[in-house]
Protein backbone atom coordinates (compact mmCIF):
# COMPACT_ATOMS: atom_id res chain seq x y z
CA MET A 1 -39.89 -80.75 7.07
CA PRO A 2 -41.49 -78.25 4.65
CA MET A 3 -39.01 -75.50 3.78
CA THR A 4 -39.20 -72.01 2.30
CA ARG A 5 -36.39 -70.54 0.20
CA ILE A 6 -35.23 -67.02 1.07
CA ARG A 7 -33.19 -64.74 -1.17
CA LEU A 8 -30.98 -62.06 0.39
CA THR A 9 -29.07 -59.22 -1.23
CA LEU A 10 -25.96 -58.34 0.76
CA ALA A 11 -23.52 -55.45 0.94
CA TYR A 12 -20.21 -55.81 2.70
CA GLU A 13 -16.82 -54.21 3.09
CA GLY A 14 -14.33 -56.94 2.34
CA THR A 15 -11.31 -55.42 4.09
CA ASP A 16 -11.46 -57.52 7.25
CA PHE A 17 -12.76 -60.72 5.65
CA CYS A 18 -10.82 -63.65 4.22
CA GLY A 19 -13.27 -63.66 1.33
CA TRP A 20 -16.81 -64.94 0.94
CA GLN A 21 -16.42 -68.70 1.35
CA VAL A 22 -16.62 -70.18 4.84
CA GLN A 23 -13.29 -71.36 6.26
CA PRO A 24 -12.67 -73.22 9.53
CA ALA A 25 -10.27 -70.76 11.13
CA ASP A 26 -10.83 -67.46 9.28
CA ARG A 27 -13.46 -64.74 9.29
CA THR A 28 -15.58 -64.87 6.14
CA VAL A 29 -18.80 -63.25 4.94
CA GLN A 30 -20.55 -66.59 4.47
CA GLY A 31 -19.51 -67.61 7.96
CA GLU A 32 -20.94 -64.46 9.54
CA VAL A 33 -24.25 -64.79 7.69
CA GLU A 34 -24.59 -68.46 8.61
CA ARG A 35 -23.77 -67.66 12.23
CA ALA A 36 -26.48 -65.00 12.35
CA LEU A 37 -29.04 -67.33 10.76
CA ALA A 38 -28.19 -70.08 13.24
CA THR A 39 -28.86 -67.63 16.07
CA ILE A 40 -32.32 -66.89 14.68
CA LEU A 41 -33.29 -70.42 13.65
CA GLY A 42 -31.55 -72.39 16.38
CA ARG A 43 -29.95 -74.71 13.84
CA ALA A 44 -27.12 -74.77 11.32
CA VAL A 45 -28.02 -73.22 7.96
CA ARG A 46 -26.10 -73.42 4.68
CA VAL A 47 -26.06 -70.20 2.66
CA HIS A 48 -25.45 -70.39 -1.10
CA GLY A 49 -23.92 -67.33 -2.76
CA SER A 50 -23.95 -66.19 -6.37
CA GLY A 51 -20.17 -66.59 -6.35
CA ARG A 52 -17.06 -66.19 -4.27
CA THR A 53 -15.35 -62.89 -3.61
CA ASP A 54 -11.72 -62.86 -2.54
CA ALA A 55 -10.23 -61.40 0.61
CA GLY A 56 -10.44 -57.61 0.46
CA VAL A 57 -13.11 -57.52 -2.27
CA HIS A 58 -16.33 -55.64 -1.50
CA ALA A 59 -19.98 -56.11 -2.50
CA LEU A 60 -23.00 -53.92 -3.03
CA GLY A 61 -25.16 -56.62 -4.57
CA GLN A 62 -24.09 -60.11 -3.54
CA VAL A 63 -27.10 -62.42 -3.84
CA VAL A 64 -27.50 -65.50 -1.64
CA HIS A 65 -30.21 -67.98 -0.74
CA PHE A 66 -30.99 -70.36 2.11
CA ASP A 67 -33.85 -72.62 3.15
CA CYS A 68 -35.74 -72.20 6.39
CA PRO A 69 -38.69 -74.04 7.97
CA ASP A 70 -42.10 -72.94 6.70
CA GLY A 71 -42.96 -71.89 10.23
CA ARG A 72 -40.68 -68.86 9.81
CA THR A 73 -42.56 -67.57 6.77
CA GLY A 74 -43.04 -63.84 7.10
CA PHE A 75 -40.12 -63.33 9.46
CA PRO A 76 -38.50 -59.86 8.99
CA TRP A 77 -35.18 -61.24 7.75
CA GLN A 78 -33.62 -57.90 6.85
CA ARG A 79 -34.24 -56.32 10.24
CA GLY A 80 -33.55 -59.52 12.17
CA LEU A 81 -30.24 -60.28 10.50
CA ASN A 82 -29.01 -56.70 10.52
CA GLY A 83 -29.55 -56.67 14.27
CA ILE A 84 -27.08 -59.56 14.64
CA LEU A 85 -24.58 -59.18 11.80
CA PRO A 86 -21.37 -57.19 12.27
CA ARG A 87 -21.28 -53.66 10.94
CA ASP A 88 -19.30 -54.57 7.81
CA VAL A 89 -22.13 -56.77 6.47
CA ARG A 90 -25.70 -55.63 5.81
CA VAL A 91 -28.81 -57.22 4.30
CA LEU A 92 -30.23 -54.82 1.70
CA ASP A 93 -33.22 -56.91 0.73
CA ALA A 94 -34.91 -60.18 1.70
CA ALA A 95 -37.69 -62.04 -0.10
CA GLU A 96 -39.28 -65.46 -0.36
CA VAL A 97 -38.55 -67.07 -3.72
CA PRO A 98 -39.58 -70.26 -5.54
CA ASP A 99 -37.88 -73.49 -4.51
CA ASP A 100 -36.04 -73.69 -7.84
CA PHE A 101 -34.30 -70.33 -7.40
CA HIS A 102 -30.54 -70.74 -7.04
CA ALA A 103 -28.28 -67.77 -6.31
CA ARG A 104 -25.37 -69.23 -8.27
CA TYR A 105 -26.82 -71.35 -11.05
CA GLY A 106 -29.68 -68.98 -11.85
CA ALA A 107 -27.47 -65.94 -12.44
CA VAL A 108 -27.39 -64.74 -16.05
CA SER A 109 -24.87 -61.93 -15.61
CA LYS A 110 -22.70 -60.20 -13.05
CA THR A 111 -21.42 -56.65 -12.86
CA TYR A 112 -18.26 -55.62 -11.06
CA GLU A 113 -16.65 -52.22 -10.67
CA TYR A 114 -12.98 -51.52 -10.11
CA CYS A 115 -11.85 -48.14 -8.78
CA LEU A 116 -8.49 -46.65 -9.73
CA TRP A 117 -6.71 -43.76 -7.99
CA HIS A 118 -4.59 -41.64 -10.34
CA GLU A 119 -2.81 -39.08 -8.15
CA ARG A 120 0.77 -40.24 -7.76
CA GLY A 121 1.63 -38.11 -4.72
CA PHE A 122 -1.00 -39.34 -2.25
CA CYS A 123 -4.18 -41.32 -1.68
CA LEU A 124 -6.90 -40.04 0.62
CA PRO A 125 -6.98 -42.13 3.80
CA GLN A 126 -10.76 -42.40 3.45
CA ARG A 127 -10.37 -44.05 0.02
CA ARG A 128 -7.38 -46.35 0.58
CA ARG A 129 -9.54 -49.41 1.30
CA PHE A 130 -11.51 -48.99 -1.92
CA VAL A 131 -9.00 -48.05 -4.63
CA TRP A 132 -5.76 -49.12 -6.24
CA ASN A 133 -3.34 -46.24 -6.59
CA CYS A 134 -2.09 -47.00 -10.09
CA GLY A 135 -1.01 -43.43 -10.91
CA PRO A 136 -1.64 -41.52 -14.16
CA VAL A 137 -2.88 -43.46 -17.17
CA ASP A 138 -4.00 -42.74 -20.72
CA PHE A 139 -7.75 -43.40 -20.76
CA ALA A 140 -7.92 -43.50 -24.57
CA ARG A 141 -5.40 -46.36 -24.67
CA MET A 142 -7.33 -48.22 -21.98
CA GLU A 143 -10.65 -47.81 -23.76
CA ALA A 144 -9.16 -49.01 -27.04
CA ALA A 145 -7.88 -52.13 -25.29
CA ALA A 146 -11.26 -52.62 -23.62
CA GLY A 147 -12.87 -52.79 -27.06
CA LEU A 148 -10.74 -55.84 -27.89
CA LEU A 149 -11.94 -57.64 -24.77
CA LEU A 150 -15.66 -57.21 -25.43
CA GLY A 151 -17.68 -60.10 -26.79
CA GLU A 152 -17.22 -63.85 -26.56
CA HIS A 153 -13.64 -64.97 -26.05
CA ASP A 154 -11.61 -67.67 -24.39
CA PHE A 155 -10.32 -65.77 -21.33
CA ALA A 156 -7.90 -68.49 -20.18
CA ALA A 157 -5.09 -65.92 -20.09
CA PHE A 158 -7.04 -63.93 -17.50
CA GLN A 159 -7.87 -66.78 -15.13
CA ASN A 160 -5.75 -67.50 -12.07
CA VAL A 161 -5.29 -71.06 -10.89
CA GLY A 162 -7.47 -72.54 -8.17
CA THR A 163 -10.86 -73.26 -9.70
CA ASP A 164 -11.84 -76.06 -12.08
CA VAL A 165 -14.24 -74.95 -14.81
CA ASP A 166 -15.68 -76.76 -17.82
CA SER A 167 -14.89 -73.84 -20.13
CA THR A 168 -12.89 -70.61 -19.98
CA VAL A 169 -15.07 -69.00 -22.66
CA ARG A 170 -17.06 -66.02 -21.40
CA THR A 171 -19.05 -63.20 -23.01
CA VAL A 172 -18.21 -59.72 -21.80
CA THR A 173 -20.98 -57.26 -22.65
CA GLU A 174 -19.65 -54.10 -20.98
CA ILE A 175 -16.36 -52.50 -20.10
CA SER A 176 -16.96 -48.83 -19.45
CA ARG A 177 -15.30 -45.94 -17.63
CA HIS A 178 -17.15 -43.71 -15.18
CA ALA A 179 -16.28 -40.81 -12.93
CA GLY A 180 -15.20 -41.81 -9.44
CA PRO A 181 -16.34 -40.27 -6.15
CA THR A 182 -13.36 -37.88 -6.23
CA ALA A 183 -11.57 -36.07 -9.05
CA HIS A 184 -8.57 -38.39 -8.63
CA GLU A 185 -10.48 -41.59 -9.42
CA SER A 186 -11.98 -43.53 -12.30
CA VAL A 187 -14.40 -46.44 -12.03
CA TRP A 188 -14.30 -49.27 -14.57
CA ARG A 189 -17.45 -51.36 -14.92
CA PHE A 190 -17.37 -54.94 -16.20
CA THR A 191 -20.46 -57.00 -17.06
CA ALA A 192 -20.37 -60.58 -18.35
CA ASP A 193 -22.34 -63.80 -18.30
CA GLY A 194 -19.77 -65.01 -15.79
CA PHE A 195 -16.22 -64.40 -14.65
CA LEU A 196 -13.30 -66.73 -14.10
CA LYS A 197 -11.20 -66.70 -10.94
CA GLN A 198 -9.82 -63.16 -10.47
CA MET A 199 -10.66 -62.40 -14.10
CA VAL A 200 -11.77 -58.81 -13.47
CA ARG A 201 -8.59 -58.00 -11.55
CA ASN A 202 -6.55 -59.48 -14.38
CA LEU A 203 -8.47 -57.53 -17.01
CA VAL A 204 -7.86 -54.34 -15.04
CA GLY A 205 -4.16 -55.18 -14.93
CA CYS A 206 -4.17 -55.49 -18.72
CA LEU A 207 -6.00 -52.18 -19.20
CA VAL A 208 -3.70 -50.31 -16.82
CA ALA A 209 -0.62 -51.73 -18.57
CA CYS A 210 -2.03 -50.28 -21.78
CA GLY A 211 -2.80 -46.99 -20.06
CA ARG A 212 0.80 -46.79 -18.83
CA GLY A 213 2.16 -47.46 -22.32
CA LYS A 214 3.65 -50.82 -21.30
CA LEU A 215 1.32 -52.87 -23.54
CA ASP A 216 -0.11 -52.09 -26.96
CA LEU A 217 -3.19 -53.40 -28.75
CA ASP A 218 -1.25 -56.04 -30.65
CA GLY A 219 0.05 -57.27 -27.31
CA VAL A 220 -3.49 -57.56 -25.97
CA ARG A 221 -4.50 -59.58 -29.04
CA VAL A 222 -1.54 -61.93 -28.56
CA ILE A 223 -2.38 -62.50 -24.89
CA LEU A 224 -6.05 -63.14 -25.61
CA GLU A 225 -5.39 -65.52 -28.50
CA ALA A 226 -2.56 -67.42 -26.77
CA GLY A 227 -4.61 -68.13 -23.65
CA ASP A 228 -1.40 -68.11 -21.62
CA ARG A 229 -1.68 -66.53 -18.16
CA THR A 230 2.09 -66.01 -17.98
CA LEU A 231 1.93 -63.54 -20.88
CA ALA A 232 -0.58 -61.23 -19.19
CA PRO A 233 0.16 -58.52 -16.61
CA ALA A 234 0.02 -59.33 -12.91
CA THR A 235 -3.21 -59.50 -10.91
CA VAL A 236 -4.07 -56.10 -9.42
CA PRO A 237 -4.89 -55.66 -5.69
CA PRO A 238 -8.34 -56.71 -4.41
CA GLN A 239 -9.46 -53.59 -2.57
CA GLY A 240 -10.50 -51.68 -5.70
CA LEU A 241 -13.04 -54.35 -6.68
CA THR A 242 -16.75 -54.41 -5.82
CA LEU A 243 -19.45 -56.88 -6.88
CA VAL A 244 -22.20 -54.45 -7.84
CA ARG A 245 -25.03 -56.51 -9.27
CA VAL A 246 -26.10 -60.06 -10.05
CA ALA A 247 -28.86 -60.38 -12.64
CA TYR A 248 -31.35 -63.20 -13.00
CA GLY A 249 -33.78 -64.22 -15.69
CA GLU A 250 -36.93 -63.02 -13.98
CA GLY A 251 -39.40 -61.18 -16.08
């Protein structure tokens, strides 16, 4: 049967999901999208994502693709899916793409943002699902540490167990600080050619340890060079993390 490949860009709030990847007994983003597509197409459909997000992690630019029969060419996928999907998932964009497009293998870079809350006394209820309340930190110390993590490195010390990869070498092209939506927040942006399992959350843990004065630059160098996960700070909570953008090689 002739098939057409469709690319979707998704946004979702990860709070009530057990991550992206479909699981038999748990609510996942992939599962909800596949369920909605099956309702429209009357058949099971496999959706391929640019990567997995963990339970509690959000997205503003998750890219996925699926194949549908040519007879559905021109269907209004954005409107049709958004009419079925639950309110914590939305299709931002839908387009037909060449058959060789692949949401995962075609990605050339990904950008994540992690939001920190710095007021020790409280966290706004409206922000609690989207920040980690880490308390006060020294931004200059964090930015100095970030400079050591830029470029091509073996990031084995910042990978959690659970995924087999051919190499733990990645190239990080951006770690930058931005103003958050309130005066109590900072947003840290990470861009790389790829990320290891929970790598961004582990990098944030390292930066915050520096910002709290618990880790110095020499300590960061030792962790990076040793490639030993047990030497690095603990993984920070998932709710501060958002997949913002996946870039491809078009144009």
